[in-house]
Amino acid sequence: MPFQRQSFRLRAGFEPRRVVAYKPLLDGALALTGGKPTFCVILQRAIAPCALIPERDHDMAELVAAAKNRGHYKLPV
């Protein structure tokens, strides 16, 4: 099975008694597999912001804003 070249992930998830940081799990999984996705789109959440890896990670809000500015984004979020 070929390696997934793109990855779309939330930065953190909410559970009843804690916040789960998904970004470190993603980074760890990619390190274990040796995977090199073309890019990862990360949805930053104010409750647990994360550092993005240059050239790989992209902030979803920034991508949506750029698409709206170019007139390419028409779906409500």
C-alpha atoms as a PDB file:
ATOM      1  CA  MET A   1       0.000   0.000   0.000  1.00  0.00           C
ATOM      2  CA  PRO A   2       1.525   3.360  -0.967  1.00  0.00           C
ATOM      3  CA  PHE A   3       2.206   5.930   1.721  1.00  0.00           C
ATOM      4  CA  GLN A   4      -0.383   8.662   2.132  1.00  0.00           C
ATOM      5  CA  ARG A   5       1.065  11.856   0.648  1.00  0.00           C
ATOM      6  CA  GLN A   6      -1.272  14.288   2.405  1.00  0.00           C
ATOM      7  CA  SER A   7      -2.555  14.403   5.942  1.00  0.00           C
ATOM      8  CA  PHE A   8      -5.407  16.424   7.409  1.00  0.00           C
ATOM      9  CA  ARG A   9      -5.439  16.554  11.202  1.00  0.00           C
ATOM     10  CA  LEU A  10      -6.885  18.434  14.114  1.00  0.00           C
ATOM     11  CA  ARG A  11      -4.407  19.876  16.560  1.00  0.00           C
ATOM     12  CA  ALA A  12      -6.296  18.738  19.660  1.00  0.00           C
ATOM     13  CA  GLY A  13      -9.436  16.862  20.588  1.00  0.00           C
ATOM     14  CA  PHE A  14     -11.681  17.222  23.579  1.00  0.00           C
ATOM     15  CA  GLU A  15     -12.537  14.299  25.835  1.00  0.00           C
ATOM     16  CA  PRO A  16     -14.612  14.430  29.006  1.00  0.00           C
ATOM     17  CA  ARG A  17     -11.704  15.099  31.367  1.00  0.00           C
ATOM     18  CA  ARG A  18      -8.786  16.135  29.158  1.00  0.00           C
ATOM     19  CA  VAL A  19      -7.523  17.640  25.942  1.00  0.00           C
ATOM     20  CA  VAL A  20      -5.761  15.216  23.588  1.00  0.00           C
ATOM     21  CA  ALA A  21      -2.870  16.698  21.595  1.00  0.00           C
ATOM     22  CA  TYR A  22      -2.955  14.968  18.196  1.00  0.00           C
ATOM     23  CA  LYS A  23      -0.027  16.763  16.555  1.00  0.00           C
ATOM     24  CA  PRO A  24       2.673  15.026  18.653  1.00  0.00           C
ATOM     25  CA  LEU A  25       0.986  11.693  17.861  1.00  0.00           C
ATOM     26  CA  LEU A  26       1.070  12.502  14.143  1.00  0.00           C
ATOM     27  CA  ASP A  27       4.735  13.539  14.294  1.00  0.00           C
ATOM     28  CA  GLY A  28       5.631  10.399  16.253  1.00  0.00           C
ATOM     29  CA  ALA A  29       3.774   8.104  13.864  1.00  0.00           C
ATOM     30  CA  LEU A  30       5.491   9.673  10.857  1.00  0.00           C
ATOM     31  CA  ALA A  31       8.872   9.297  12.571  1.00  0.00           C
ATOM     32  CA  LEU A  32       8.211   5.601  13.281  1.00  0.00           C
ATOM     33  CA  THR A  33       7.113   4.847   9.730  1.00  0.00           C
ATOM     34  CA  GLY A  34       9.688   7.025   8.044  1.00  0.00           C
ATOM     35  CA  GLY A  35       6.779   8.574   6.180  1.00  0.00           C
ATOM     36  CA  LYS A  36       7.270  11.789   4.257  1.00  0.00           C
ATOM     37  CA  PRO A  37       3.870  13.236   3.332  1.00  0.00           C
ATOM     38  CA  THR A  38       3.851  16.060   0.805  1.00  0.00           C
ATOM     39  CA  PHE A  39       1.972  18.227   3.284  1.00  0.00           C
ATOM     40  CA  CYS A  40      -0.142  18.139   6.434  1.00  0.00           C
ATOM     41  CA  VAL A  41      -3.052  20.512   7.017  1.00  0.00           C
ATOM     42  CA  ILE A  42      -3.396  21.287  10.712  1.00  0.00           C
ATOM     43  CA  LEU A  43      -6.484  22.792  12.326  1.00  0.00           C
ATOM     44  CA  GLN A  44      -5.076  24.879  15.161  1.00  0.00           C
ATOM     45  CA  ARG A  45      -7.215  25.171  18.275  1.00  0.00           C
ATOM     46  CA  ALA A  46      -6.775  27.947  20.813  1.00  0.00           C
ATOM     47  CA  ILE A  47      -6.854  25.493  23.709  1.00  0.00           C
ATOM     48  CA  ALA A  48      -3.707  23.685  22.490  1.00  0.00           C
ATOM     49  CA  PRO A  49      -1.774  25.542  19.778  1.00  0.00           C
ATOM     50  CA  CYS A  50       1.220  23.756  18.264  1.00  0.00           C
ATOM     51  CA  ALA A  51       4.380  24.531  16.356  1.00  0.00           C
ATOM     52  CA  LEU A  52       4.170  23.717  12.665  1.00  0.00           C
ATOM     53  CA  ILE A  53       7.005  22.035  10.811  1.00  0.00           C
ATOM     54  CA  PRO A  54       8.134  24.363   7.990  1.00  0.00           C
ATOM     55  CA  GLU A  55       7.573  23.117   4.433  1.00  0.00           C
ATOM     56  CA  ARG A  56       5.299  20.274   5.653  1.00  0.00           C
ATOM     57  CA  ASP A  57       2.619  21.630   7.992  1.00  0.00           C
ATOM     58  CA  HIS A  58       0.086  24.228   6.920  1.00  0.00           C
ATOM     59  CA  ASP A  59      -2.434  26.059   9.093  1.00  0.00           C
ATOM     60  CA  MET A  60      -5.963  25.359   7.833  1.00  0.00           C
ATOM     61  CA  ALA A  61      -7.241  28.857   8.716  1.00  0.00           C
ATOM     62  CA  GLU A  62      -4.451  30.436   6.646  1.00  0.00           C
ATOM     63  CA  LEU A  63      -5.197  28.177   3.669  1.00  0.00           C
ATOM     64  CA  VAL A  64      -8.924  28.971   3.825  1.00  0.00           C
ATOM     65  CA  ALA A  65      -8.222  32.721   4.078  1.00  0.00           C
ATOM     66  CA  ALA A  66      -5.876  32.568   1.084  1.00  0.00           C
ATOM     67  CA  ALA A  67      -8.457  30.629  -0.957  1.00  0.00           C
ATOM     68  CA  LYS A  68     -11.172  33.148  -0.076  1.00  0.00           C
ATOM     69  CA  ASN A  69      -8.904  36.032  -1.123  1.00  0.00           C
ATOM     70  CA  ARG A  70      -8.397  34.389  -4.523  1.00  0.00           C
ATOM     71  CA  GLY A  71     -12.126  33.666  -4.934  1.00  0.00           C
ATOM     72  CA  HIS A  72     -11.612  29.884  -4.877  1.00  0.00           C
ATOM     73  CA  TYR A  73     -13.434  29.115  -1.670  1.00  0.00           C
ATOM     74  CA  LYS A  74     -17.230  29.020  -1.802  1.00  0.00           C
ATOM     75  CA  LEU A  75     -18.324  26.482   0.821  1.00  0.00           C
ATOM     76  CA  PRO A  76     -19.432  27.613   4.298  1.00  0.00           C
ATOM     77  CA  VAL A  77     -17.322  26.389   7.190  1.00  0.00           C
END
